[in-house]
Amino acid sequence: MKINLINKLYFALAILLLIGIGVKIYKYAAWNRYYYKALLTVKETDSLKIETAFFITPDDLISIEKQNQASVMEMVQLNLLPKELVVKYASKEKRYKDTIPISIDRVKEIFNQIKKNGKQLELYSEKGPKKGYSFVIVQDDHAKLTIWIAGDKTRKSLLNYTLKSR
């Protein structure tokens, strides 16, 4: 069988397309993605007021809704785990922004504990109901943030952080 120049070009193009598809699948990393949502419970204090918060993942920014604004039937997507939490807040005089690092290993450990106990939440996605998790970020009276990972009738503390008004 004789292969002419056009067939060689088509063959090379097919190989390049297959390599491109493989790279895209590897970069998307579906095996490292989870269904989760995030809620922010803010206690209005005289000293500090949280305005916004969002997670930074390796490929996206995920905004966090305040609890009174969040929809019960909120649609969730398959996301990478967050590596940082960014909180923007204000005192009477100034505005601040803190970036809080999150241990991905600790998050995976808590996710695995919740999954092992069968306590995952029922979340809603475009593809129907999915099992997932919820990050609950709570501010107390003393400008202290506590981040919980919640499942169905269970929750585990991820970290505590004190907001600093410099």
Foldseek 3Di string as FASTA:
>chain_A
DDDDPVNVVVVVVVVVVVVVVVVVCVVVPLVQWFWEAEEEEEDDEQFKDWDWKWFDDVVDIGTHYYPVPDDPQDATDTGHDGQWMWIWMAGPPGIDIDIGGFDPVLVVVVQVVCVVVVFFAFHAHPVGTDTGWYWYWYADHQQKIWIWIDGHVDIDTRDIDHDDDD
